[in-house]
Amino acid sequence: MSKQACKGDHEGHLCVLASTGKFGQIKEIARAPRFICFNCGRVAECEVNLCNPMPID
C-alpha cells in the first residue's frame, strides 16, 4: 500500500479549503470529479486540488 503523503504545494488543496471554511469554492472544484485523494477520499475535477490524487476511473 502506498504511503499517504501530500504532493506539491498544499495551498488550494481541498483539505486546506475545508479547514478554512471555503465550502463554496469546494463545491465548484468538486462539481465534476475526475480524481480522488488517496489520503482522505475527497474528490475534485483537477488533480492539483488534492494531496495524493489518483484518477477515479
N, C-alpha and C. Protein backbone atom coordinates (compact mmCIF):
# COMPACT_ATOMS: atom_id res chain seq x y z
N MET A 1 0.84 -1.18 0.00
CA MET A 1 0.00 0.00 0.00
C MET A 1 0.89 1.24 0.00
N SER A 2 0.49 2.26 -0.77
CA SER A 2 1.27 3.49 -0.86
C SER A 2 1.19 4.30 0.43
N LYS A 3 2.27 5.00 0.72
CA LYS A 3 2.30 5.87 1.89
C LYS A 3 1.47 7.12 1.60
N GLN A 4 0.71 7.55 2.57
CA GLN A 4 -0.08 8.77 2.42
C GLN A 4 0.83 9.97 2.59
N ALA A 5 0.88 10.80 1.56
CA ALA A 5 1.73 11.99 1.60
C ALA A 5 1.16 13.05 0.69
N CYS A 6 1.41 14.29 1.05
CA CYS A 6 0.97 15.41 0.23
C CYS A 6 1.98 15.63 -0.88
N LYS A 7 1.48 15.75 -2.11
CA LYS A 7 2.33 16.00 -3.26
C LYS A 7 2.14 17.45 -3.71
N GLY A 8 3.20 18.22 -3.75
CA GLY A 8 3.13 19.58 -4.25
C GLY A 8 2.75 20.61 -3.21
N ASP A 9 2.44 21.81 -3.71
CA ASP A 9 2.06 22.93 -2.87
C ASP A 9 0.69 22.65 -2.26
N HIS A 10 0.58 22.76 -0.96
CA HIS A 10 -0.65 22.42 -0.24
C HIS A 10 -1.76 23.47 -0.45
N GLU A 11 -1.39 24.68 -0.81
CA GLU A 11 -2.38 25.74 -1.00
C GLU A 11 -3.32 25.37 -2.15
N GLY A 12 -4.61 25.50 -1.94
CA GLY A 12 -5.60 25.15 -2.95
C GLY A 12 -6.10 23.73 -2.87
N HIS A 13 -5.52 22.93 -1.98
CA HIS A 13 -5.99 21.56 -1.79
C HIS A 13 -7.30 21.59 -1.01
N LEU A 14 -8.17 20.63 -1.29
CA LEU A 14 -9.47 20.59 -0.64
C LEU A 14 -9.37 20.52 0.88
N CYS A 15 -8.36 19.84 1.40
CA CYS A 15 -8.22 19.75 2.85
C CYS A 15 -7.98 21.13 3.47
N VAL A 16 -7.20 21.96 2.80
CA VAL A 16 -6.94 23.32 3.29
C VAL A 16 -8.20 24.17 3.16
N LEU A 17 -8.88 24.06 2.01
CA LEU A 17 -10.11 24.84 1.80
C LEU A 17 -11.17 24.47 2.85
N ALA A 18 -11.30 23.18 3.15
CA ALA A 18 -12.28 22.74 4.16
C ALA A 18 -11.92 23.27 5.54
N SER A 19 -10.64 23.26 5.88
CA SER A 19 -10.23 23.71 7.21
C SER A 19 -10.41 25.22 7.39
N THR A 20 -10.53 25.94 6.28
CA THR A 20 -10.73 27.39 6.36
C THR A 20 -12.17 27.79 6.01
N GLY A 21 -13.05 26.79 5.86
CA GLY A 21 -14.47 27.06 5.66
C GLY A 21 -14.85 27.57 4.28
N LYS A 22 -14.07 27.31 3.27
CA LYS A 22 -14.34 27.79 1.91
C LYS A 22 -15.17 26.77 1.13
N PHE A 23 -16.38 26.52 1.62
CA PHE A 23 -17.21 25.46 1.06
C PHE A 23 -17.80 25.81 -0.31
N GLY A 24 -18.00 27.08 -0.60
CA GLY A 24 -18.45 27.49 -1.93
C GLY A 24 -17.41 27.14 -2.98
N GLN A 25 -16.15 27.38 -2.66
CA GLN A 25 -15.05 27.06 -3.57
C GLN A 25 -14.93 25.53 -3.73
N ILE A 26 -15.13 24.80 -2.66
CA ILE A 26 -15.06 23.33 -2.71
C ILE A 26 -16.15 22.80 -3.63
N LYS A 27 -17.36 23.35 -3.55
CA LYS A 27 -18.46 22.89 -4.41
C LYS A 27 -18.12 23.05 -5.88
N GLU A 28 -17.45 24.13 -6.24
CA GLU A 28 -17.04 24.35 -7.63
C GLU A 28 -15.98 23.34 -8.06
N ILE A 29 -15.00 23.11 -7.20
CA ILE A 29 -13.89 22.20 -7.51
C ILE A 29 -14.37 20.75 -7.64
N ALA A 30 -15.38 20.39 -6.85
CA ALA A 30 -15.85 19.01 -6.82
C ALA A 30 -17.09 18.77 -7.69
N ARG A 31 -17.47 19.75 -8.49
CA ARG A 31 -18.69 19.65 -9.30
C ARG A 31 -18.68 18.48 -10.27
N ALA A 32 -17.58 18.27 -10.97
CA ALA A 32 -17.45 17.18 -11.96
C ALA A 32 -16.17 16.41 -11.67
N PRO A 33 -16.17 15.60 -10.62
CA PRO A 33 -14.93 14.97 -10.17
C PRO A 33 -14.36 13.96 -11.16
N ARG A 34 -13.03 14.03 -11.33
CA ARG A 34 -12.30 13.07 -12.16
C ARG A 34 -11.17 12.41 -11.36
N PHE A 35 -10.86 12.97 -10.16
CA PHE A 35 -9.78 12.45 -9.33
C PHE A 35 -10.27 12.29 -7.89
N ILE A 36 -9.67 11.35 -7.19
CA ILE A 36 -9.96 11.12 -5.77
C ILE A 36 -8.64 11.15 -5.01
N CYS A 37 -8.68 11.68 -3.80
CA CYS A 37 -7.47 11.76 -2.97
C CYS A 37 -7.28 10.42 -2.26
N PHE A 38 -6.13 9.84 -2.44
CA PHE A 38 -5.80 8.57 -1.80
C PHE A 38 -5.70 8.74 -0.29
N ASN A 39 -5.41 9.95 0.18
CA ASN A 39 -5.28 10.20 1.62
C ASN A 39 -6.64 10.30 2.32
N CYS A 40 -7.52 11.16 1.80
CA CYS A 40 -8.74 11.49 2.54
C CYS A 40 -10.04 11.09 1.84
N GLY A 41 -9.98 10.73 0.56
CA GLY A 41 -11.17 10.31 -0.16
C GLY A 41 -11.97 11.45 -0.77
N ARG A 42 -11.51 12.69 -0.62
CA ARG A 42 -12.19 13.81 -1.27
C ARG A 42 -12.02 13.70 -2.77
N VAL A 43 -12.97 14.27 -3.53
CA VAL A 43 -12.90 14.23 -4.99
C VAL A 43 -12.82 15.63 -5.57
N ALA A 44 -12.20 15.75 -6.76
CA ALA A 44 -12.05 17.05 -7.43
C ALA A 44 -11.95 16.83 -8.93
N GLU A 45 -12.25 17.89 -9.66
CA GLU A 45 -12.13 17.82 -11.12
C GLU A 45 -10.66 17.80 -11.55
N CYS A 46 -9.80 18.53 -10.83
CA CYS A 46 -8.38 18.62 -11.18
C CYS A 46 -7.52 18.02 -10.08
N GLU A 47 -6.49 17.31 -10.48
CA GLU A 47 -5.62 16.67 -9.50
C GLU A 47 -4.82 17.65 -8.66
N VAL A 48 -4.68 18.90 -9.12
CA VAL A 48 -3.91 19.88 -8.35
C VAL A 48 -4.60 20.27 -7.05
N ASN A 49 -5.88 19.94 -6.91
CA ASN A 49 -6.64 20.29 -5.70
C ASN A 49 -6.63 19.18 -4.65
N LEU A 50 -5.83 18.14 -4.86
CA LEU A 50 -5.78 17.02 -3.93
C LEU A 50 -4.33 16.73 -3.54
N CYS A 51 -4.15 16.23 -2.32
CA CYS A 51 -2.79 15.93 -1.82
C CYS A 51 -2.16 14.74 -2.51
N ASN A 52 -2.93 13.69 -2.69
CA ASN A 52 -2.40 12.45 -3.24
C ASN A 52 -3.42 11.89 -4.25
N PRO A 53 -3.54 12.55 -5.43
CA PRO A 53 -4.60 12.23 -6.36
C PRO A 53 -4.38 10.95 -7.17
N MET A 54 -5.50 10.33 -7.52
CA MET A 54 -5.48 9.22 -8.49
C MET A 54 -6.77 9.31 -9.30
N PRO A 55 -6.73 8.93 -10.57
CA PRO A 55 -7.93 9.01 -11.40
C PRO A 55 -9.05 8.14 -10.82
N ILE A 56 -10.27 8.60 -10.95
CA ILE A 56 -11.41 7.85 -10.45
C ILE A 56 -11.64 6.60 -11.29
N ASP A 57 -11.49 6.71 -12.59
CA ASP A 57 -11.73 5.53 -13.44
C ASP A 57 -10.51 4.82 -13.87
